[in-house]
Each structure stands twice: as structure tokens, then as C-alpha cells.
Amino acid sequence: MNFTYNPNQIAYFHSDQNLLAEVTFPDVDSETVDINHTFVDDSLRGQGIAGKLMEAAAIHLRSQGKKAILTCPYAISWFEKHPEFQDILK
């Protein structure tokens, strides 16, 4: 699955450019983002796409040296299950 990396968003688009899945993480300050939204279209539910997006976001933020706060309920749950990414949490 090829994700599109935009500033403050990682997304998956259908070939017709319709958004099918995304995680958004707006800047709080120069070193911190807020993972505030995860979306997966009904057509992709149950395939682990949200988890793949969250892992991609965690790896991306780590590579940028950024920290995250979590306000998205899915993100909170995902990070509780993935202690290997606790280092990026503020």
C-alpha cells in the first residue's frame, strides 16, 4: 500500500484521487504534533489500514525528531498496544 506523505497528514488515495484513509497530525509547536484524526473508508475497514497508517505516522515523526500528543481515540488505543513507539509521545 502506497501512502501519500503530506505536511501533517499521511493518506491513502484511490486511483481517482478520492481519499480512502488518513491520519492527521497538525503542529502544536515546532517540536510537537497532535495526532488528532484517523479515518478509513468503509470499503477498507477490517484490513488493518488504520494500524498501518498509525505505524507510518510514528516512524515518520520519529525520523523527524518530533513528539506527539494524542487526541484521536484510535491513536490513544494504538499507542497503548505498541510500547515500541512510546519514545515519540510527549
N, C-alpha and C. Protein backbone atom coordinates (compact mmCIF):
# COMPACT_ATOMS: atom_id res chain seq x y z
N MET A 1 0.84 -1.17 0.00
CA MET A 1 0.00 0.00 0.00
C MET A 1 0.89 1.24 0.00
N ASN A 2 0.64 2.11 -0.94
CA ASN A 2 1.45 3.32 -1.07
C ASN A 2 0.72 4.50 -0.45
N PHE A 3 1.30 4.98 0.64
CA PHE A 3 0.73 6.15 1.31
C PHE A 3 1.33 7.42 0.71
N THR A 4 0.56 8.48 0.77
CA THR A 4 1.00 9.80 0.35
C THR A 4 1.34 10.59 1.61
N TYR A 5 2.56 11.11 1.66
CA TYR A 5 3.02 11.88 2.81
C TYR A 5 2.91 13.36 2.49
N ASN A 6 2.01 14.02 3.19
CA ASN A 6 1.83 15.46 3.07
C ASN A 6 2.21 16.09 4.40
N PRO A 7 2.45 17.39 4.43
CA PRO A 7 2.70 18.01 5.74
C PRO A 7 1.51 17.76 6.66
N ASN A 8 1.77 17.17 7.81
CA ASN A 8 0.76 16.93 8.84
C ASN A 8 -0.33 15.94 8.45
N GLN A 9 -0.06 15.10 7.44
CA GLN A 9 -1.03 14.10 7.02
C GLN A 9 -0.32 12.96 6.30
N ILE A 10 -0.77 11.74 6.57
CA ILE A 10 -0.40 10.59 5.76
C ILE A 10 -1.72 10.02 5.26
N ALA A 11 -1.83 9.82 3.95
CA ALA A 11 -3.11 9.45 3.36
C ALA A 11 -2.96 8.33 2.34
N TYR A 12 -4.07 7.69 2.08
CA TYR A 12 -4.16 6.71 1.02
C TYR A 12 -5.31 7.14 0.11
N PHE A 13 -5.00 7.30 -1.17
CA PHE A 13 -5.98 7.75 -2.14
C PHE A 13 -6.30 6.64 -3.14
N HIS A 14 -7.53 6.60 -3.57
CA HIS A 14 -7.95 5.72 -4.67
C HIS A 14 -7.33 6.27 -5.95
N SER A 15 -7.27 5.47 -6.97
CA SER A 15 -6.68 5.92 -8.24
C SER A 15 -7.40 7.14 -8.82
N ASP A 16 -8.66 7.35 -8.44
CA ASP A 16 -9.38 8.54 -8.91
C ASP A 16 -9.17 9.74 -7.99
N GLN A 17 -8.21 9.63 -7.07
CA GLN A 17 -7.82 10.69 -6.14
C GLN A 17 -8.80 10.92 -5.00
N ASN A 18 -9.78 10.03 -4.82
CA ASN A 18 -10.65 10.11 -3.66
C ASN A 18 -9.90 9.62 -2.43
N LEU A 19 -10.04 10.34 -1.33
CA LEU A 19 -9.39 9.96 -0.08
C LEU A 19 -10.07 8.72 0.49
N LEU A 20 -9.27 7.69 0.76
CA LEU A 20 -9.80 6.45 1.33
C LEU A 20 -9.37 6.24 2.78
N ALA A 21 -8.25 6.84 3.17
CA ALA A 21 -7.77 6.68 4.55
C ALA A 21 -6.76 7.78 4.85
N GLU A 22 -6.72 8.18 6.14
CA GLU A 22 -5.73 9.19 6.51
C GLU A 22 -5.53 9.21 8.02
N VAL A 23 -4.39 9.72 8.40
CA VAL A 23 -4.12 10.13 9.77
C VAL A 23 -3.60 11.56 9.68
N THR A 24 -4.11 12.43 10.56
CA THR A 24 -3.67 13.83 10.55
C THR A 24 -3.01 14.17 11.88
N PHE A 25 -2.03 15.05 11.79
CA PHE A 25 -1.25 15.42 12.97
C PHE A 25 -0.75 16.86 12.83
N PRO A 26 -1.65 17.83 13.09
CA PRO A 26 -1.25 19.25 13.00
C PRO A 26 -0.19 19.60 14.03
N ASP A 27 0.61 20.59 13.69
CA ASP A 27 1.64 21.08 14.60
C ASP A 27 1.01 21.74 15.83
N VAL A 28 1.59 21.44 16.98
CA VAL A 28 1.26 22.15 18.21
C VAL A 28 2.30 23.24 18.42
N ASP A 29 3.56 22.88 18.19
CA ASP A 29 4.68 23.82 18.18
C ASP A 29 5.73 23.23 17.25
N SER A 30 6.91 23.78 17.22
CA SER A 30 7.92 23.36 16.26
C SER A 30 8.43 21.94 16.49
N GLU A 31 8.19 21.39 17.68
CA GLU A 31 8.70 20.05 18.01
C GLU A 31 7.61 19.04 18.32
N THR A 32 6.34 19.48 18.30
CA THR A 32 5.24 18.62 18.74
C THR A 32 4.08 18.69 17.77
N VAL A 33 3.46 17.53 17.55
CA VAL A 33 2.23 17.44 16.75
C VAL A 33 1.14 16.82 17.61
N ASP A 34 -0.09 16.98 17.16
CA ASP A 34 -1.25 16.38 17.80
C ASP A 34 -1.84 15.37 16.82
N ILE A 35 -1.70 14.09 17.13
CA ILE A 35 -2.35 13.08 16.28
C ILE A 35 -3.83 13.14 16.66
N ASN A 36 -4.61 13.79 15.78
CA ASN A 36 -5.97 14.14 16.16
C ASN A 36 -7.07 13.47 15.36
N HIS A 37 -6.71 12.71 14.33
CA HIS A 37 -7.76 12.16 13.47
C HIS A 37 -7.24 10.97 12.67
N THR A 38 -8.02 9.91 12.67
CA THR A 38 -7.76 8.74 11.82
C THR A 38 -9.06 8.41 11.11
N PHE A 39 -8.95 8.20 9.80
CA PHE A 39 -10.13 7.88 9.01
C PHE A 39 -9.80 6.73 8.07
N VAL A 40 -10.71 5.77 7.97
CA VAL A 40 -10.61 4.69 6.98
C VAL A 40 -11.99 4.52 6.37
N ASP A 41 -12.06 4.59 5.05
CA ASP A 41 -13.31 4.41 4.33
C ASP A 41 -13.90 3.03 4.62
N ASP A 42 -15.20 2.95 4.62
CA ASP A 42 -15.88 1.68 4.89
C ASP A 42 -15.40 0.55 3.99
N SER A 43 -15.03 0.87 2.76
CA SER A 43 -14.59 -0.16 1.81
C SER A 43 -13.28 -0.82 2.22
N LEU A 44 -12.53 -0.21 3.14
CA LEU A 44 -11.24 -0.75 3.56
C LEU A 44 -11.23 -1.22 5.02
N ARG A 45 -12.34 -1.10 5.70
CA ARG A 45 -12.39 -1.45 7.12
C ARG A 45 -12.08 -2.94 7.31
N GLY A 46 -11.46 -3.23 8.45
CA GLY A 46 -11.15 -4.61 8.80
C GLY A 46 -9.90 -5.16 8.14
N GLN A 47 -9.14 -4.31 7.47
CA GLN A 47 -7.93 -4.77 6.78
C GLN A 47 -6.65 -4.28 7.45
N GLY A 48 -6.78 -3.65 8.60
CA GLY A 48 -5.61 -3.17 9.32
C GLY A 48 -5.01 -1.89 8.77
N ILE A 49 -5.77 -1.17 7.98
CA ILE A 49 -5.25 0.05 7.34
C ILE A 49 -4.96 1.13 8.39
N ALA A 50 -5.84 1.31 9.35
CA ALA A 50 -5.63 2.34 10.38
C ALA A 50 -4.33 2.07 11.14
N GLY A 51 -4.08 0.82 11.46
CA GLY A 51 -2.84 0.47 12.16
C GLY A 51 -1.61 0.74 11.30
N LYS A 52 -1.70 0.45 10.02
CA LYS A 52 -0.58 0.74 9.12
C LYS A 52 -0.33 2.24 9.00
N LEU A 53 -1.42 3.01 8.95
CA LEU A 53 -1.27 4.47 8.92
C LEU A 53 -0.61 4.97 10.20
N MET A 54 -1.05 4.44 11.34
CA MET A 54 -0.51 4.89 12.61
C MET A 54 0.97 4.53 12.73
N GLU A 55 1.33 3.34 12.29
CA GLU A 55 2.74 2.95 12.32
C GLU A 55 3.57 3.85 11.40
N ALA A 56 3.03 4.14 10.22
CA ALA A 56 3.74 5.04 9.29
C ALA A 56 3.92 6.41 9.91
N ALA A 57 2.89 6.90 10.59
CA ALA A 57 2.99 8.21 11.24
C ALA A 57 4.03 8.19 12.35
N ALA A 58 4.04 7.14 13.16
CA ALA A 58 5.00 7.04 14.26
C ALA A 58 6.43 7.01 13.73
N ILE A 59 6.67 6.23 12.70
CA ILE A 59 8.02 6.14 12.11
C ILE A 59 8.41 7.48 11.49
N HIS A 60 7.47 8.10 10.82
CA HIS A 60 7.72 9.40 10.18
C HIS A 60 8.06 10.46 11.23
N LEU A 61 7.28 10.53 12.28
CA LEU A 61 7.53 11.53 13.33
C LEU A 61 8.85 11.26 14.03
N ARG A 62 9.15 10.00 14.29
CA ARG A 62 10.43 9.66 14.91
C ARG A 62 11.58 10.11 14.03
N SER A 63 11.48 9.89 12.73
CA SER A 63 12.56 10.27 11.81
C SER A 63 12.76 11.78 11.77
N GLN A 64 11.71 12.53 12.08
CA GLN A 64 11.79 13.99 12.11
C GLN A 64 12.16 14.52 13.49
N GLY A 65 12.30 13.63 14.46
CA GLY A 65 12.63 14.05 15.82
C GLY A 65 11.49 14.77 16.51
N LYS A 66 10.26 14.50 16.08
CA LYS A 66 9.11 15.17 16.67
C LYS A 66 8.47 14.29 17.75
N LYS A 67 7.76 14.95 18.65
CA LYS A 67 6.98 14.29 19.69
C LYS A 67 5.51 14.47 19.36
N ALA A 68 4.68 13.58 19.92
CA ALA A 68 3.25 13.64 19.64
C ALA A 68 2.43 13.64 20.92
N ILE A 69 1.37 14.43 20.89
CA ILE A 69 0.31 14.26 21.86
C ILE A 69 -0.83 13.58 21.11
N LEU A 70 -1.70 12.91 21.84
CA LEU A 70 -2.75 12.12 21.20
C LEU A 70 -4.12 12.61 21.64
N THR A 71 -4.94 13.03 20.68
CA THR A 71 -6.32 13.36 20.98
C THR A 71 -7.30 12.49 20.19
N CYS A 72 -6.80 11.74 19.24
CA CYS A 72 -7.62 10.80 18.47
C CYS A 72 -7.79 9.52 19.31
N PRO A 73 -9.03 9.08 19.54
CA PRO A 73 -9.23 7.87 20.34
C PRO A 73 -8.52 6.64 19.77
N TYR A 74 -8.51 6.51 18.44
CA TYR A 74 -7.82 5.36 17.85
C TYR A 74 -6.33 5.44 18.13
N ALA A 75 -5.74 6.62 18.00
CA ALA A 75 -4.31 6.78 18.27
C ALA A 75 -3.97 6.42 19.70
N ILE A 76 -4.79 6.86 20.64
CA ILE A 76 -4.56 6.54 22.04
C ILE A 76 -4.53 5.03 22.23
N SER A 77 -5.52 4.34 21.68
CA SER A 77 -5.60 2.88 21.79
C SER A 77 -4.41 2.21 21.11
N TRP A 78 -4.04 2.68 19.94
CA TRP A 78 -2.94 2.07 19.18
C TRP A 78 -1.63 2.20 19.95
N PHE A 79 -1.34 3.37 20.47
CA PHE A 79 -0.08 3.57 21.18
C PHE A 79 -0.03 2.76 22.47
N GLU A 80 -1.17 2.52 23.11
CA GLU A 80 -1.20 1.67 24.30
C GLU A 80 -0.76 0.25 23.97
N LYS A 81 -1.03 -0.18 22.74
CA LYS A 81 -0.70 -1.55 22.30
C LYS A 81 0.68 -1.65 21.66
N HIS A 82 1.37 -0.53 21.48
CA HIS A 82 2.66 -0.52 20.79
C HIS A 82 3.71 0.23 21.61
N PRO A 83 4.21 -0.41 22.65
CA PRO A 83 5.19 0.25 23.52
C PRO A 83 6.48 0.62 22.81
N GLU A 84 6.76 0.00 21.68
CA GLU A 84 7.99 0.31 20.94
C GLU A 84 8.00 1.73 20.37
N PHE A 85 6.84 2.39 20.41
CA PHE A 85 6.76 3.77 19.92
C PHE A 85 6.50 4.79 21.02
N GLN A 86 6.61 4.39 22.27
CA GLN A 86 6.36 5.31 23.38
C GLN A 86 7.33 6.48 23.40
N ASP A 87 8.50 6.31 22.80
CA ASP A 87 9.51 7.37 22.81
C ASP A 87 9.09 8.63 22.06
N ILE A 88 8.10 8.51 21.18
CA ILE A 88 7.70 9.72 20.46
C ILE A 88 6.58 10.48 21.17
N LEU A 89 6.05 9.91 22.25
CA LEU A 89 4.97 10.58 22.95
C LEU A 89 5.51 11.64 23.89
N LYS A 90 4.82 12.76 23.92
CA LYS A 90 5.21 13.86 24.80
C LYS A 90 4.55 13.68 26.15
